[in-house]
Amino acid sequence: MKYRVTISADSLDPNPEVTEFEDFYEAEDYIHDSVNRSIQWHIDHSPYIISEKEYDELLEQEIALTRLEEI
């Protein structure tokens, strides 16, 4: 079975990043790495310390911009 991962920069992104994988675990790893990379970018570029609550909100936002589907 093949899987398609779609990752948008924001909710109105006209050209989201679309990647296809042969195995579910590869797609899952890709999503995990992408979400962590994006959150780390926010942390690195924030002039303020990110609280646990803010971290959880960032995680929720990034996951909401990610879609995994079977094709």
C-alpha atoms as a PDB file:
ATOM      1  CA  MET A   1       0.000   0.000   0.000  1.00  0.00           C
ATOM      2  CA  LYS A   2       1.202   3.525  -0.738  1.00  0.00           C
ATOM      3  CA  TYR A   3       0.798   6.596   1.437  1.00  0.00           C
ATOM      4  CA  ARG A   4       0.739  10.297   0.602  1.00  0.00           C
ATOM      5  CA  VAL A   5       1.848  12.938   3.107  1.00  0.00           C
ATOM      6  CA  THR A   6       0.770  16.530   2.507  1.00  0.00           C
ATOM      7  CA  ILE A   7       2.391  19.264   4.583  1.00  0.00           C
ATOM      8  CA  SER A   8       1.205  22.853   4.261  1.00  0.00           C
ATOM      9  CA  ALA A   9       3.022  25.980   5.403  1.00  0.00           C
ATOM     10  CA  ASP A  10      -0.298  27.454   6.551  1.00  0.00           C
ATOM     11  CA  SER A  11      -4.010  26.782   6.091  1.00  0.00           C
ATOM     12  CA  LEU A  12      -4.132  28.713   2.786  1.00  0.00           C
ATOM     13  CA  ASP A  13      -0.961  27.261   1.250  1.00  0.00           C
ATOM     14  CA  PRO A  14      -1.613  26.913  -2.522  1.00  0.00           C
ATOM     15  CA  ASN A  15       1.406  24.626  -3.047  1.00  0.00           C
ATOM     16  CA  PRO A  16       1.751  22.222  -0.127  1.00  0.00           C
ATOM     17  CA  GLU A  17       4.653  19.789  -0.003  1.00  0.00           C
ATOM     18  CA  VAL A  18       3.393  16.380  -1.179  1.00  0.00           C
ATOM     19  CA  THR A  19       5.493  13.247  -0.704  1.00  0.00           C
ATOM     20  CA  GLU A  20       4.589   9.610  -1.328  1.00  0.00           C
ATOM     21  CA  PHE A  21       5.882   6.560   0.555  1.00  0.00           C
ATOM     22  CA  GLU A  22       5.664   2.818   0.103  1.00  0.00           C
ATOM     23  CA  ASP A  23       5.390   2.015   3.816  1.00  0.00           C
ATOM     24  CA  PHE A  24       3.337   3.521   6.622  1.00  0.00           C
ATOM     25  CA  TYR A  25       6.293   3.729   9.007  1.00  0.00           C
ATOM     26  CA  GLU A  26       8.277   5.784   6.461  1.00  0.00           C
ATOM     27  CA  ALA A  27       5.390   8.259   6.124  1.00  0.00           C
ATOM     28  CA  GLU A  28       5.010   8.417   9.892  1.00  0.00           C
ATOM     29  CA  ASP A  29       8.750   9.070  10.370  1.00  0.00           C
ATOM     30  CA  TYR A  30       8.647  11.781   7.716  1.00  0.00           C
ATOM     31  CA  ILE A  31       5.746  13.529   9.456  1.00  0.00           C
ATOM     32  CA  HIS A  32       7.467  13.270  12.832  1.00  0.00           C
ATOM     33  CA  ASP A  33      10.722  14.720  11.467  1.00  0.00           C
ATOM     34  CA  SER A  34       8.961  17.505   9.586  1.00  0.00           C
ATOM     35  CA  VAL A  35       6.846  18.582  12.569  1.00  0.00           C
ATOM     36  CA  ASN A  36       9.862  18.500  14.895  1.00  0.00           C
ATOM     37  CA  ARG A  37      11.975  20.467  12.421  1.00  0.00           C
ATOM     38  CA  SER A  38       9.294  23.150  12.110  1.00  0.00           C
ATOM     39  CA  ILE A  39       8.800  23.439  15.866  1.00  0.00           C
ATOM     40  CA  GLN A  40      12.553  23.623  16.403  1.00  0.00           C
ATOM     41  CA  TRP A  41      12.743  26.464  13.863  1.00  0.00           C
ATOM     42  CA  HIS A  42      10.120  28.387  15.846  1.00  0.00           C
ATOM     43  CA  ILE A  43      12.029  27.783  19.077  1.00  0.00           C
ATOM     44  CA  ASP A  44      15.372  28.794  17.565  1.00  0.00           C
ATOM     45  CA  HIS A  45      14.001  32.007  16.043  1.00  0.00           C
ATOM     46  CA  SER A  46      11.844  33.151  18.948  1.00  0.00           C
ATOM     47  CA  PRO A  47      13.284  36.038  20.974  1.00  0.00           C
ATOM     48  CA  TYR A  48      11.429  34.629  23.998  1.00  0.00           C
ATOM     49  CA  ILE A  49      11.553  31.377  25.910  1.00  0.00           C
ATOM     50  CA  ILE A  50       8.837  29.000  24.692  1.00  0.00           C
ATOM     51  CA  SER A  51       6.690  27.688  27.546  1.00  0.00           C
ATOM     52  CA  GLU A  52       5.342  24.144  27.656  1.00  0.00           C
ATOM     53  CA  LYS A  53       1.870  25.460  26.792  1.00  0.00           C
ATOM     54  CA  GLU A  54       3.220  27.376  23.776  1.00  0.00           C
ATOM     55  CA  TYR A  55       5.152  24.273  22.696  1.00  0.00           C
ATOM     56  CA  ASP A  56       1.963  22.208  22.844  1.00  0.00           C
ATOM     57  CA  GLU A  57       0.129  24.872  20.808  1.00  0.00           C
ATOM     58  CA  LEU A  58       2.888  24.877  18.178  1.00  0.00           C
ATOM     59  CA  LEU A  59       2.725  21.077  18.007  1.00  0.00           C
ATOM     60  CA  GLU A  60      -1.038  21.181  17.562  1.00  0.00           C
ATOM     61  CA  GLN A  61      -0.756  23.808  14.800  1.00  0.00           C
ATOM     62  CA  GLU A  62       1.895  21.867  12.897  1.00  0.00           C
ATOM     63  CA  ILE A  63      -0.008  18.601  13.121  1.00  0.00           C
ATOM     64  CA  ALA A  64      -3.166  20.349  11.873  1.00  0.00           C
ATOM     65  CA  LEU A  65      -1.236  21.356   8.726  1.00  0.00           C
ATOM     66  CA  THR A  66      -0.257  17.732   8.036  1.00  0.00           C
ATOM     67  CA  ARG A  67      -2.334  15.116   6.246  1.00  0.00           C
ATOM     68  CA  LEU A  68      -1.633  11.404   5.755  1.00  0.00           C
ATOM     69  CA  GLU A  69      -3.711   9.394   3.322  1.00  0.00           C
ATOM     70  CA  GLU A  70      -3.688   5.935   1.746  1.00  0.00           C
ATOM     71  CA  ILE A  71      -3.481   5.910  -2.035  1.00  0.00           C
END
